[in-house]
Amino acid sequence: MYEIYTTDESRQALTVFQIYEGIGEWFDLPKKAIERFGFSFGK
């Protein structure tokens, strides 16, 4: 992460967190036919 967030100020954006449940989508954009995948986790 130090290569991406090179200053102390920019590293303030980094926060540790835990998610217990939710829904989301994952996209694979480089492919010619874009792949899309939905998922859920938790309860």
PDB file of N, CA and C in Angstrom:
ATOM      1  N   MET A   1       0.809  -1.191   0.000  1.00  0.00           N
ATOM      2  CA  MET A   1       0.000   0.000   0.000  1.00  0.00           C
ATOM      3  C   MET A   1       0.856   1.260   0.000  1.00  0.00           C
ATOM      4  N   TYR A   2       2.081   1.149   0.483  1.00  0.00           N
ATOM      5  CA  TYR A   2       2.946   2.323   0.510  1.00  0.00           C
ATOM      6  C   TYR A   2       3.298   2.807  -0.891  1.00  0.00           C
ATOM      7  N   GLU A   3       3.240   1.908  -1.887  1.00  0.00           N
ATOM      8  CA  GLU A   3       3.499   2.329  -3.264  1.00  0.00           C
ATOM      9  C   GLU A   3       2.331   3.116  -3.842  1.00  0.00           C
ATOM     10  N   ILE A   4       1.118   2.817  -3.374  1.00  0.00           N
ATOM     11  CA  ILE A   4      -0.075   3.518  -3.872  1.00  0.00           C
ATOM     12  C   ILE A   4      -0.326   4.792  -3.080  1.00  0.00           C
ATOM     13  N   TYR A   5      -0.263   4.683  -1.746  1.00  0.00           N
ATOM     14  CA  TYR A   5      -0.471   5.831  -0.853  1.00  0.00           C
ATOM     15  C   TYR A   5       0.890   6.241  -0.322  1.00  0.00           C
ATOM     16  N   THR A   6       1.527   7.153  -1.019  1.00  0.00           N
ATOM     17  CA  THR A   6       2.939   7.453  -0.772  1.00  0.00           C
ATOM     18  C   THR A   6       3.197   8.458   0.355  1.00  0.00           C
ATOM     19  N   THR A   7       2.177   9.166   0.809  1.00  0.00           N
ATOM     20  CA  THR A   7       2.380  10.162   1.868  1.00  0.00           C
ATOM     21  C   THR A   7       1.530   9.807   3.090  1.00  0.00           C
ATOM     22  N   ASP A   8       1.926  10.347   4.242  1.00  0.00           N
ATOM     23  CA  ASP A   8       1.137  10.138   5.462  1.00  0.00           C
ATOM     24  C   ASP A   8      -0.283  10.655   5.270  1.00  0.00           C
ATOM     25  N   GLU A   9      -0.411  11.771   4.597  1.00  0.00           N
ATOM     26  CA  GLU A   9      -1.736  12.366   4.364  1.00  0.00           C
ATOM     27  C   GLU A   9      -2.614  11.439   3.525  1.00  0.00           C
ATOM     28  N   SER A  10      -2.067  10.851   2.461  1.00  0.00           N
ATOM     29  CA  SER A  10      -2.874   9.975   1.607  1.00  0.00           C
ATOM     30  C   SER A  10      -3.233   8.675   2.325  1.00  0.00           C
ATOM     31  N   ARG A  11      -2.379   8.221   3.247  1.00  0.00           N
ATOM     32  CA  ARG A  11      -2.665   6.992   3.982  1.00  0.00           C
ATOM     33  C   ARG A  11      -3.785   7.158   5.001  1.00  0.00           C
ATOM     34  N   GLN A  12      -4.213   8.377   5.272  1.00  0.00           N
ATOM     35  CA  GLN A  12      -5.352   8.602   6.159  1.00  0.00           C
ATOM     36  C   GLN A  12      -6.634   8.016   5.575  1.00  0.00           C
ATOM     37  N   ALA A  13      -6.666   7.765   4.255  1.00  0.00           N
ATOM     38  CA  ALA A  13      -7.840   7.179   3.607  1.00  0.00           C
ATOM     39  C   ALA A  13      -7.982   5.701   3.928  1.00  0.00           C
ATOM     40  N   LEU A  14      -6.926   5.057   4.429  1.00  0.00           N
ATOM     41  CA  LEU A  14      -6.961   3.631   4.722  1.00  0.00           C
ATOM     42  C   LEU A  14      -7.631   3.397   6.074  1.00  0.00           C
ATOM     43  N   THR A  15      -8.681   2.608   6.073  1.00  0.00           N
ATOM     44  CA  THR A  15      -9.409   2.294   7.294  1.00  0.00           C
ATOM     45  C   THR A  15      -9.684   0.799   7.342  1.00  0.00           C
ATOM     46  N   VAL A  16      -9.455   0.197   8.486  1.00  0.00           N
ATOM     47  CA  VAL A  16      -9.755  -1.217   8.670  1.00  0.00           C
ATOM     48  C   VAL A  16     -11.213  -1.340   9.086  1.00  0.00           C
ATOM     49  N   PHE A  17     -11.946  -2.258   8.437  1.00  0.00           N
ATOM     50  CA  PHE A  17     -13.340  -2.462   8.793  1.00  0.00           C
ATOM     51  C   PHE A  17     -13.732  -3.902   8.518  1.00  0.00           C
ATOM     52  N   GLN A  18     -14.865  -4.319   9.073  1.00  0.00           N
ATOM     53  CA  GLN A  18     -15.383  -5.666   8.876  1.00  0.00           C
ATOM     54  C   GLN A  18     -16.853  -5.550   8.507  1.00  0.00           C
ATOM     55  N   ILE A  19     -17.253  -6.289   7.479  1.00  0.00           N
ATOM     56  CA  ILE A  19     -18.647  -6.290   7.032  1.00  0.00           C
ATOM     57  C   ILE A  19     -19.231  -7.663   7.349  1.00  0.00           C
ATOM     58  N   TYR A  20     -20.363  -7.693   8.013  1.00  0.00           N
ATOM     59  CA  TYR A  20     -20.961  -8.953   8.442  1.00  0.00           C
ATOM     60  C   TYR A  20     -21.963  -9.521   7.440  1.00  0.00           C
ATOM     61  N   GLU A  21     -22.645  -8.663   6.717  1.00  0.00           N
ATOM     62  CA  GLU A  21     -23.585  -9.138   5.712  1.00  0.00           C
ATOM     63  C   GLU A  21     -23.770  -8.062   4.655  1.00  0.00           C
ATOM     64  N   GLY A  22     -24.146  -8.516   3.461  1.00  0.00           N
ATOM     65  CA  GLY A  22     -24.368  -7.546   2.398  1.00  0.00           C
ATOM     66  C   GLY A  22     -24.572  -8.222   1.057  1.00  0.00           C
ATOM     67  N   ILE A  23     -24.753  -7.387   0.059  1.00  0.00           N
ATOM     68  CA  ILE A  23     -24.869  -7.845  -1.321  1.00  0.00           C
ATOM     69  C   ILE A  23     -23.962  -6.975  -2.172  1.00  0.00           C
ATOM     70  N   GLY A  24     -23.547  -7.508  -3.306  1.00  0.00           N
ATOM     71  CA  GLY A  24     -22.675  -6.726  -4.174  1.00  0.00           C
ATOM     72  C   GLY A  24     -22.612  -7.318  -5.568  1.00  0.00           C
ATOM     73  N   GLU A  25     -21.835  -6.676  -6.408  1.00  0.00           N
ATOM     74  CA  GLU A  25     -21.618  -7.148  -7.772  1.00  0.00           C
ATOM     75  C   GLU A  25     -20.151  -7.021  -8.104  1.00  0.00           C
ATOM     76  N   TRP A  26     -19.667  -7.945  -8.894  1.00  0.00           N
ATOM     77  CA  TRP A  26     -18.290  -7.966  -9.353  1.00  0.00           C
ATOM     78  C   TRP A  26     -18.327  -7.901 -10.875  1.00  0.00           C
ATOM     79  N   PHE A  27     -17.525  -7.018 -11.469  1.00  0.00           N
ATOM     80  CA  PHE A  27     -17.460  -6.854 -12.916  1.00  0.00           C
ATOM     81  C   PHE A  27     -16.045  -7.144 -13.401  1.00  0.00           C
ATOM     82  N   ASP A  28     -15.914  -7.891 -14.494  1.00  0.00           N
ATOM     83  CA  ASP A  28     -14.621  -8.119 -15.136  1.00  0.00           C
ATOM     84  C   ASP A  28     -14.634  -7.308 -16.425  1.00  0.00           C
ATOM     85  N   LEU A  29     -14.166  -6.070 -16.354  1.00  0.00           N
ATOM     86  CA  LEU A  29     -14.280  -5.123 -17.464  1.00  0.00           C
ATOM     87  C   LEU A  29     -13.319  -5.357 -18.627  1.00  0.00           C
ATOM     88  N   PRO A  30     -12.119  -5.917 -18.422  1.00  0.00           N
ATOM     89  CA  PRO A  30     -11.202  -6.075 -19.553  1.00  0.00           C
ATOM     90  C   PRO A  30     -11.692  -7.056 -20.631  1.00  0.00           C
ATOM     91  N   LYS A  31     -12.613  -7.927 -20.293  1.00  0.00           N
ATOM     92  CA  LYS A  31     -13.071  -8.903 -21.274  1.00  0.00           C
ATOM     93  C   LYS A  31     -13.980  -8.245 -22.304  1.00  0.00           C
ATOM     94  N   LYS A  32     -13.943  -8.740 -23.541  1.00  0.00           N
ATOM     95  CA  LYS A  32     -14.766  -8.165 -24.606  1.00  0.00           C
ATOM     96  C   LYS A  32     -16.248  -8.271 -24.265  1.00  0.00           C
ATOM     97  N   ALA A  33     -16.684  -9.429 -23.807  1.00  0.00           N
ATOM     98  CA  ALA A  33     -18.037  -9.574 -23.264  1.00  0.00           C
ATOM     99  C   ALA A  33     -17.902  -9.446 -21.749  1.00  0.00           C
ATOM    100  N   ILE A  34     -18.207  -8.273 -21.214  1.00  0.00           N
ATOM    101  CA  ILE A  34     -18.002  -7.984 -19.795  1.00  0.00           C
ATOM    102  C   ILE A  34     -18.740  -9.013 -18.947  1.00  0.00           C
ATOM    103  N   GLU A  35     -18.037  -9.592 -17.994  1.00  0.00           N
ATOM    104  CA  GLU A  35     -18.648 -10.541 -17.080  1.00  0.00           C
ATOM    105  C   GLU A  35     -19.163  -9.799 -15.851  1.00  0.00           C
ATOM    106  N   ARG A  36     -20.347 -10.197 -15.403  1.00  0.00           N
ATOM    107  CA  ARG A  36     -20.973  -9.582 -14.238  1.00  0.00           C
ATOM    108  C   ARG A  36     -21.430 -10.704 -13.323  1.00  0.00           C
ATOM    109  N   PHE A  37     -21.114 -10.590 -12.030  1.00  0.00           N
ATOM    110  CA  PHE A  37     -21.426 -11.633 -11.073  1.00  0.00           C
ATOM    111  C   PHE A  37     -21.993 -10.977  -9.813  1.00  0.00           C
ATOM    112  N   GLY A  38     -23.191 -11.386  -9.414  1.00  0.00           N
ATOM    113  CA  GLY A  38     -23.798 -10.898  -8.177  1.00  0.00           C
ATOM    114  C   GLY A  38     -23.509 -11.865  -7.047  1.00  0.00           C
ATOM    115  N   PHE A  39     -23.419 -11.351  -5.824  1.00  0.00           N
ATOM    116  CA  PHE A  39     -23.149 -12.187  -4.664  1.00  0.00           C
ATOM    117  C   PHE A  39     -23.780 -11.601  -3.418  1.00  0.00           C
ATOM    118  N   SER A  40     -23.952 -12.435  -2.424  1.00  0.00           N
ATOM    119  CA  SER A  40     -24.407 -11.975  -1.113  1.00  0.00           C
ATOM    120  C   SER A  40     -23.655 -12.783  -0.061  1.00  0.00           C
ATOM    121  N   PHE A  41     -23.592 -12.262   1.147  1.00  0.00           N
ATOM    122  CA  PHE A  41     -22.918 -12.958   2.228  1.00  0.00           C
ATOM    123  C   PHE A  41     -23.568 -12.568   3.544  1.00  0.00           C
ATOM    124  N   GLY A  42     -23.399 -13.389   4.530  1.00  0.00           N
ATOM    125  CA  GLY A  42     -24.015 -13.151   5.844  1.00  0.00           C
ATOM    126  C   GLY A  42     -25.299 -13.946   5.963  1.00  0.00           C
ATOM    127  N   LYS A  43     -26.261 -13.387   6.665  1.00  0.00           N
ATOM    128  CA  LYS A  43     -27.523 -14.078   6.900  1.00  0.00           C
ATOM    129  C   LYS A  43     -28.133 -14.462   5.591  1.00  0.00           C
TER     130      LYS A  43
END
